[in-house]
């Protein structure tokens, strides 16, 4: 989802099955919320430059 698309949303739904791309040499999609804790989500067209985009902190609590 591009930053303009995200900005136009009122709600973004995430659940325990949500996946994201692991930012590493041999990256791949993996489940994100596998343990309780604080997660930071970044959304940007040019994430490497740290220019523009959005940042959101999500706190996941255990059952």
N, C-alpha and C. Protein backbone atom coordinates (compact mmCIF):
# COMPACT_ATOMS: atom_id res chain seq x y z
N UNK A 1 0.85 -1.17 0.00
CA UNK A 1 0.00 0.00 0.00
C UNK A 1 0.90 1.23 0.00
N UNK A 2 0.65 2.13 -0.91
CA UNK A 2 1.46 3.34 -0.99
C UNK A 2 1.08 4.30 0.14
N UNK A 3 1.96 5.25 0.50
CA UNK A 3 1.61 6.23 1.52
C UNK A 3 0.32 7.00 1.22
N UNK A 4 0.07 7.44 -0.05
CA UNK A 4 -1.21 8.11 -0.32
C UNK A 4 -2.41 7.20 -0.09
N UNK A 5 -2.29 5.91 -0.45
CA UNK A 5 -3.39 4.97 -0.20
C UNK A 5 -3.63 4.82 1.30
N UNK A 6 -2.55 4.68 2.08
CA UNK A 6 -2.69 4.56 3.53
C UNK A 6 -3.34 5.80 4.13
N UNK A 7 -2.91 6.97 3.66
CA UNK A 7 -3.46 8.22 4.17
C UNK A 7 -4.97 8.32 3.92
N UNK A 8 -5.45 7.72 2.84
CA UNK A 8 -6.87 7.81 2.50
C UNK A 8 -7.73 6.84 3.30
N UNK A 9 -7.12 5.93 4.05
CA UNK A 9 -7.88 4.92 4.81
C UNK A 9 -8.28 5.46 6.18
N UNK A 10 -9.48 5.08 6.61
CA UNK A 10 -9.92 5.37 7.97
C UNK A 10 -9.52 4.26 8.93
N UNK A 11 -9.44 3.02 8.39
CA UNK A 11 -9.12 1.85 9.21
C UNK A 11 -8.23 0.92 8.39
N UNK A 12 -7.22 0.38 9.05
CA UNK A 12 -6.39 -0.67 8.46
C UNK A 12 -6.45 -1.85 9.41
N UNK A 13 -6.88 -3.00 8.94
CA UNK A 13 -7.04 -4.17 9.80
C UNK A 13 -5.81 -5.06 9.73
N UNK A 14 -5.28 -5.38 10.90
CA UNK A 14 -4.16 -6.30 11.04
C UNK A 14 -4.59 -7.39 12.01
N UNK A 15 -4.15 -8.61 11.79
CA UNK A 15 -4.47 -9.70 12.71
C UNK A 15 -3.25 -10.60 12.87
N UNK A 16 -3.41 -11.69 13.61
CA UNK A 16 -2.27 -12.57 13.89
C UNK A 16 -1.75 -13.29 12.64
N UNK A 17 -2.49 -13.25 11.55
CA UNK A 17 -2.05 -13.88 10.30
C UNK A 17 -1.36 -12.87 9.35
N UNK A 18 -1.31 -11.60 9.74
CA UNK A 18 -0.70 -10.57 8.90
C UNK A 18 0.78 -10.89 8.67
N UNK A 19 1.21 -10.77 7.41
CA UNK A 19 2.62 -11.02 7.08
C UNK A 19 3.28 -9.74 6.60
N UNK A 20 4.59 -9.74 6.65
CA UNK A 20 5.39 -8.63 6.16
C UNK A 20 6.70 -9.16 5.62
N UNK A 21 7.38 -8.34 4.85
CA UNK A 21 8.65 -8.76 4.24
C UNK A 21 9.79 -8.54 5.22
N UNK A 22 10.54 -9.59 5.51
CA UNK A 22 11.70 -9.49 6.40
C UNK A 22 12.80 -8.70 5.69
N UNK A 23 13.25 -7.62 6.29
CA UNK A 23 14.22 -6.72 5.68
C UNK A 23 15.63 -7.22 5.98
N UNK A 24 16.06 -8.21 5.21
CA UNK A 24 17.38 -8.79 5.37
C UNK A 24 17.85 -9.33 4.02
N UNK A 25 19.09 -9.78 3.94
CA UNK A 25 19.70 -10.19 2.66
C UNK A 25 18.83 -11.16 1.87
N UNK A 26 18.34 -12.19 2.51
CA UNK A 26 17.50 -13.19 1.85
C UNK A 26 16.07 -13.06 2.35
N UNK A 27 15.54 -11.84 2.33
CA UNK A 27 14.23 -11.56 2.88
C UNK A 27 13.10 -12.38 2.27
N UNK A 28 12.04 -12.53 3.04
CA UNK A 28 10.87 -13.28 2.61
C UNK A 28 9.68 -12.82 3.45
N UNK A 29 8.46 -13.14 3.03
CA UNK A 29 7.29 -12.81 3.81
C UNK A 29 7.19 -13.76 5.00
N UNK A 30 6.85 -13.18 6.17
CA UNK A 30 6.76 -13.94 7.39
C UNK A 30 5.67 -13.33 8.26
N UNK A 31 5.06 -14.14 9.14
CA UNK A 31 4.08 -13.60 10.08
C UNK A 31 4.75 -12.57 10.97
N UNK A 32 4.05 -11.48 11.26
CA UNK A 32 4.62 -10.38 12.02
C UNK A 32 4.37 -10.52 13.51
N UNK A 33 3.12 -10.68 13.90
CA UNK A 33 2.74 -10.60 15.30
C UNK A 33 2.77 -11.98 15.96
N UNK A 34 3.97 -12.51 16.19
CA UNK A 34 4.11 -13.86 16.73
C UNK A 34 4.32 -13.86 18.24
N UNK A 35 4.54 -12.70 18.84
CA UNK A 35 4.78 -12.61 20.29
C UNK A 35 4.27 -11.27 20.80
N UNK A 36 3.87 -11.22 22.08
CA UNK A 36 3.48 -9.94 22.66
C UNK A 36 4.64 -8.96 22.62
N UNK A 37 4.33 -7.68 22.52
CA UNK A 37 5.36 -6.66 22.53
C UNK A 37 4.97 -5.46 21.69
N UNK A 38 5.90 -4.53 21.56
CA UNK A 38 5.68 -3.31 20.77
C UNK A 38 6.28 -3.51 19.38
N UNK A 39 5.48 -3.25 18.37
CA UNK A 39 5.91 -3.36 16.98
C UNK A 39 5.81 -1.97 16.34
N UNK A 40 6.78 -1.63 15.52
CA UNK A 40 6.75 -0.37 14.79
C UNK A 40 6.59 -0.67 13.31
N UNK A 41 5.56 -0.08 12.71
CA UNK A 41 5.27 -0.28 11.29
C UNK A 41 5.67 0.98 10.54
N UNK A 42 6.48 0.82 9.49
CA UNK A 42 6.90 1.92 8.63
C UNK A 42 6.27 1.74 7.26
N UNK A 43 5.82 2.82 6.66
CA UNK A 43 5.25 2.78 5.32
C UNK A 43 5.82 3.95 4.54
N UNK A 44 6.56 3.65 3.47
CA UNK A 44 7.18 4.71 2.67
C UNK A 44 7.51 4.17 1.29
N UNK A 45 7.44 5.03 0.29
CA UNK A 45 7.86 4.63 -1.05
C UNK A 45 9.38 4.53 -1.15
N UNK A 46 10.09 5.24 -0.28
CA UNK A 46 11.55 5.24 -0.29
C UNK A 46 12.06 5.07 1.14
N UNK A 47 11.76 3.92 1.74
CA UNK A 47 12.06 3.65 3.15
C UNK A 47 13.55 3.81 3.47
N UNK A 48 14.43 3.43 2.57
CA UNK A 48 15.86 3.50 2.84
C UNK A 48 16.34 4.92 3.11
N UNK A 49 15.67 5.92 2.55
CA UNK A 49 16.11 7.31 2.70
C UNK A 49 15.56 7.97 3.96
N UNK A 50 14.57 7.34 4.60
CA UNK A 50 13.89 7.88 5.78
C UNK A 50 13.19 9.21 5.49
N UNK A 51 12.86 9.45 4.21
CA UNK A 51 12.15 10.65 3.81
C UNK A 51 10.69 10.30 3.56
N UNK A 52 9.79 11.08 4.15
CA UNK A 52 8.37 10.87 3.91
C UNK A 52 7.84 9.60 4.52
N UNK A 53 6.61 9.28 4.20
CA UNK A 53 6.00 8.05 4.70
C UNK A 53 5.38 8.23 6.07
N UNK A 54 5.04 7.10 6.69
CA UNK A 54 4.35 7.09 7.97
C UNK A 54 4.97 6.06 8.90
N UNK A 55 4.80 6.28 10.20
CA UNK A 55 5.29 5.37 11.21
C UNK A 55 4.17 5.19 12.23
N UNK A 56 3.94 3.93 12.65
CA UNK A 56 2.88 3.64 13.60
C UNK A 56 3.38 2.58 14.58
N UNK A 57 3.17 2.81 15.88
CA UNK A 57 3.52 1.82 16.89
C UNK A 57 2.27 1.02 17.26
N UNK A 58 2.43 -0.29 17.35
CA UNK A 58 1.33 -1.20 17.69
C UNK A 58 1.78 -2.02 18.89
N UNK A 59 0.93 -2.13 19.91
CA UNK A 59 1.24 -2.94 21.07
C UNK A 59 0.36 -4.18 21.03
N UNK A 60 1.00 -5.35 21.04
CA UNK A 60 0.31 -6.63 21.04
C UNK A 60 0.38 -7.20 22.44
N UNK A 61 -0.77 -7.54 23.01
CA UNK A 61 -0.81 -8.13 24.34
C UNK A 61 -1.15 -9.60 24.24
N UNK A 62 -0.70 -10.40 25.18
CA UNK A 62 -0.98 -11.83 25.17
C UNK A 62 -2.40 -12.13 25.60
N UNK A 63 -2.84 -13.34 25.33
CA UNK A 63 -4.20 -13.77 25.71
C UNK A 63 -4.22 -14.23 27.16
